[in-house]
Amino acid sequence: MATTHNLQQMTKLLGDFVVKNHGAWNHDQWEALCENVTALGVDMDGSLEEHLGLLLEHLRVFYFCMPLTPQRKTKAKAKTKTKAKSKPKTKEKKKATPASSETS
């Protein structure tokens, strides 16, 4: 199995955090999240903490704007091709030949 990058682990952690807290959290929860991110090996200085907070706020926006579950696209049904109906062949009418008048 392929290893996941720390960025992938962190974004999953953030997404799970937002969903678990229904888009609202307090300062203690924020600090606990920062500790979890630090455990991934991120040296949380002031700049990274600020960017993490901005990322979290953006995820909150998506949390409230997106549907609860992804909508599944319905597969388009394959249309069955119908054979083009050929026009019925018309029989040529025999031209009526005038009856020869046989006069004798």
C-alpha atoms as a PDB file:
ATOM      1  CA  MET A   1       0.000   0.000   0.000  1.00  0.00           C
ATOM      2  CA  ALA A   2       1.323   3.429  -0.903  1.00  0.00           C
ATOM      3  CA  THR A   3       2.360   5.646   1.968  1.00  0.00           C
ATOM      4  CA  THR A   4       0.435   8.832   2.474  1.00  0.00           C
ATOM      5  CA  HIS A   5       2.133  12.182   2.644  1.00  0.00           C
ATOM      6  CA  ASN A   6       1.862  14.149   5.883  1.00  0.00           C
ATOM      7  CA  LEU A   7      -0.116  16.775   3.968  1.00  0.00           C
ATOM      8  CA  GLN A   8      -2.762  14.162   3.174  1.00  0.00           C
ATOM      9  CA  GLN A   9      -2.876  13.053   6.797  1.00  0.00           C
ATOM     10  CA  MET A  10      -3.189  16.663   7.972  1.00  0.00           C
ATOM     11  CA  THR A  11      -5.995  17.549   5.552  1.00  0.00           C
ATOM     12  CA  LYS A  12      -7.908  14.414   6.576  1.00  0.00           C
ATOM     13  CA  LEU A  13      -7.395  15.403  10.206  1.00  0.00           C
ATOM     14  CA  LEU A  14      -8.737  18.902   9.504  1.00  0.00           C
ATOM     15  CA  GLY A  15     -11.711  17.638   7.508  1.00  0.00           C
ATOM     16  CA  ASP A  16     -12.609  15.138  10.195  1.00  0.00           C
ATOM     17  CA  PHE A  17     -12.264  17.875  12.828  1.00  0.00           C
ATOM     18  CA  VAL A  18     -14.686  20.202  11.030  1.00  0.00           C
ATOM     19  CA  VAL A  19     -17.250  17.441  10.436  1.00  0.00           C
ATOM     20  CA  LYS A  20     -16.983  16.051  13.976  1.00  0.00           C
ATOM     21  CA  ASN A  21     -17.568  19.513  15.465  1.00  0.00           C
ATOM     22  CA  HIS A  22     -20.315  20.420  12.959  1.00  0.00           C
ATOM     23  CA  GLY A  23     -18.401  23.495  11.807  1.00  0.00           C
ATOM     24  CA  ALA A  24     -18.041  25.037  15.281  1.00  0.00           C
ATOM     25  CA  TRP A  25     -15.326  24.620  17.891  1.00  0.00           C
ATOM     26  CA  ASN A  26     -13.857  26.348  20.917  1.00  0.00           C
ATOM     27  CA  HIS A  27     -10.312  27.369  21.779  1.00  0.00           C
ATOM     28  CA  ASP A  28      -9.529  24.174  23.695  1.00  0.00           C
ATOM     29  CA  GLN A  29     -10.548  22.087  20.680  1.00  0.00           C
ATOM     30  CA  TRP A  30      -8.401  24.310  18.449  1.00  0.00           C
ATOM     31  CA  GLU A  31      -5.361  23.783  20.699  1.00  0.00           C
ATOM     32  CA  ALA A  32      -5.916  20.021  20.709  1.00  0.00           C
ATOM     33  CA  LEU A  33      -6.031  20.090  16.903  1.00  0.00           C
ATOM     34  CA  CYS A  34      -2.749  22.038  16.804  1.00  0.00           C
ATOM     35  CA  GLU A  35      -1.172  19.354  19.016  1.00  0.00           C
ATOM     36  CA  ASN A  36      -2.390  16.636  16.634  1.00  0.00           C
ATOM     37  CA  VAL A  37      -0.891  18.488  13.685  1.00  0.00           C
ATOM     38  CA  THR A  38       2.380  18.915  15.601  1.00  0.00           C
ATOM     39  CA  ALA A  39       2.387  15.143  16.160  1.00  0.00           C
ATOM     40  CA  LEU A  40       2.587  14.745  12.368  1.00  0.00           C
ATOM     41  CA  GLY A  41       5.977  16.460  12.476  1.00  0.00           C
ATOM     42  CA  VAL A  42       4.912  20.004  11.648  1.00  0.00           C
ATOM     43  CA  ASP A  43       6.878  22.658  13.534  1.00  0.00           C
ATOM     44  CA  MET A  44       3.949  24.924  14.460  1.00  0.00           C
ATOM     45  CA  ASP A  45       5.353  28.434  14.525  1.00  0.00           C
ATOM     46  CA  GLY A  46       3.092  31.486  14.499  1.00  0.00           C
ATOM     47  CA  SER A  47       2.897  31.673  10.707  1.00  0.00           C
ATOM     48  CA  LEU A  48       1.950  28.019  10.240  1.00  0.00           C
ATOM     49  CA  GLU A  49      -0.576  28.249  13.048  1.00  0.00           C
ATOM     50  CA  GLU A  50      -2.172  31.235  11.306  1.00  0.00           C
ATOM     51  CA  HIS A  51      -2.276  29.404   7.958  1.00  0.00           C
ATOM     52  CA  LEU A  52      -3.712  26.324   9.625  1.00  0.00           C
ATOM     53  CA  GLY A  53      -6.448  28.493  11.102  1.00  0.00           C
ATOM     54  CA  LEU A  54      -7.200  30.023   7.690  1.00  0.00           C
ATOM     55  CA  LEU A  55      -7.375  26.582   6.115  1.00  0.00           C
ATOM     56  CA  LEU A  56      -9.719  25.460   8.859  1.00  0.00           C
ATOM     57  CA  GLU A  57     -11.954  28.488   8.295  1.00  0.00           C
ATOM     58  CA  HIS A  58     -12.115  27.723   4.571  1.00  0.00           C
ATOM     59  CA  LEU A  59     -13.078  24.138   5.315  1.00  0.00           C
ATOM     60  CA  ARG A  60     -15.836  25.468   7.565  1.00  0.00           C
ATOM     61  CA  VAL A  61     -17.250  27.435   4.622  1.00  0.00           C
ATOM     62  CA  PHE A  62     -17.286  24.313   2.475  1.00  0.00           C
ATOM     63  CA  TYR A  63     -18.836  22.331   5.314  1.00  0.00           C
ATOM     64  CA  PHE A  64     -21.853  24.628   5.370  1.00  0.00           C
ATOM     65  CA  CYS A  65     -22.123  24.993   1.585  1.00  0.00           C
ATOM     66  CA  MET A  66     -21.817  21.383   0.516  1.00  0.00           C
ATOM     67  CA  PRO A  67     -24.536  18.738   0.645  1.00  0.00           C
ATOM     68  CA  LEU A  68     -24.296  16.187   3.437  1.00  0.00           C
ATOM     69  CA  THR A  69     -23.457  13.334   1.082  1.00  0.00           C
ATOM     70  CA  PRO A  70     -22.178  13.479  -2.476  1.00  0.00           C
ATOM     71  CA  GLN A  71     -24.883  13.297  -5.079  1.00  0.00           C
ATOM     72  CA  ARG A  72     -24.552  10.366  -7.384  1.00  0.00           C
ATOM     73  CA  LYS A  73     -24.884  10.934 -11.043  1.00  0.00           C
ATOM     74  CA  THR A  74     -27.351   8.646 -12.678  1.00  0.00           C
ATOM     75  CA  LYS A  75     -26.022   6.810 -15.633  1.00  0.00           C
ATOM     76  CA  ALA A  76     -27.644   7.757 -18.866  1.00  0.00           C
ATOM     77  CA  LYS A  77     -29.506   4.845 -20.304  1.00  0.00           C
ATOM     78  CA  ALA A  78     -28.175   3.716 -23.611  1.00  0.00           C
ATOM     79  CA  LYS A  79     -30.640   4.490 -26.292  1.00  0.00           C
ATOM     80  CA  THR A  80     -31.500   1.561 -28.461  1.00  0.00           C
ATOM     81  CA  LYS A  81     -31.126   2.318 -32.070  1.00  0.00           C
ATOM     82  CA  THR A  82     -34.204   1.601 -34.058  1.00  0.00           C
ATOM     83  CA  LYS A  83     -33.865   0.583 -37.609  1.00  0.00           C
ATOM     84  CA  ALA A  84     -35.007   3.197 -39.952  1.00  0.00           C
ATOM     85  CA  LYS A  85     -38.097   1.895 -41.546  1.00  0.00           C
ATOM     86  CA  SER A  86     -37.846   1.891 -45.244  1.00  0.00           C
ATOM     87  CA  LYS A  87     -40.791   3.175 -47.121  1.00  0.00           C
ATOM     88  CA  PRO A  88     -42.879   0.413 -48.583  1.00  0.00           C
ATOM     89  CA  LYS A  89     -42.203  -0.076 -52.218  1.00  0.00           C
ATOM     90  CA  THR A  90     -45.071   1.148 -54.267  1.00  0.00           C
ATOM     91  CA  LYS A  91     -46.149  -1.040 -57.065  1.00  0.00           C
ATOM     92  CA  GLU A  92     -46.267   0.713 -60.302  1.00  0.00           C
ATOM     93  CA  LYS A  93     -49.718   0.688 -61.644  1.00  0.00           C
ATOM     94  CA  LYS A  94     -50.031  -0.694 -65.074  1.00  0.00           C
ATOM     95  CA  LYS A  95     -51.235   1.891 -67.363  1.00  0.00           C
ATOM     96  CA  ALA A  96     -54.541   0.965 -68.661  1.00  0.00           C
ATOM     97  CA  THR A  97     -54.331   0.546 -72.362  1.00  0.00           C
ATOM     98  CA  PRO A  98     -57.369   1.675 -74.094  1.00  0.00           C
ATOM     99  CA  ALA A  99     -59.334  -1.222 -75.350  1.00  0.00           C
ATOM    100  CA  SER A 100     -58.795  -1.410 -78.976  1.00  0.00           C
ATOM    101  CA  SER A 101     -61.998  -0.990 -80.616  1.00  0.00           C
ATOM    102  CA  GLU A 102     -62.379  -3.716 -82.983  1.00  0.00           C
ATOM    103  CA  THR A 103     -64.806  -2.691 -85.454  1.00  0.00           C
ATOM    104  CA  SER A 104     -65.352  -4.953 -88.296  1.00  0.00           C
END
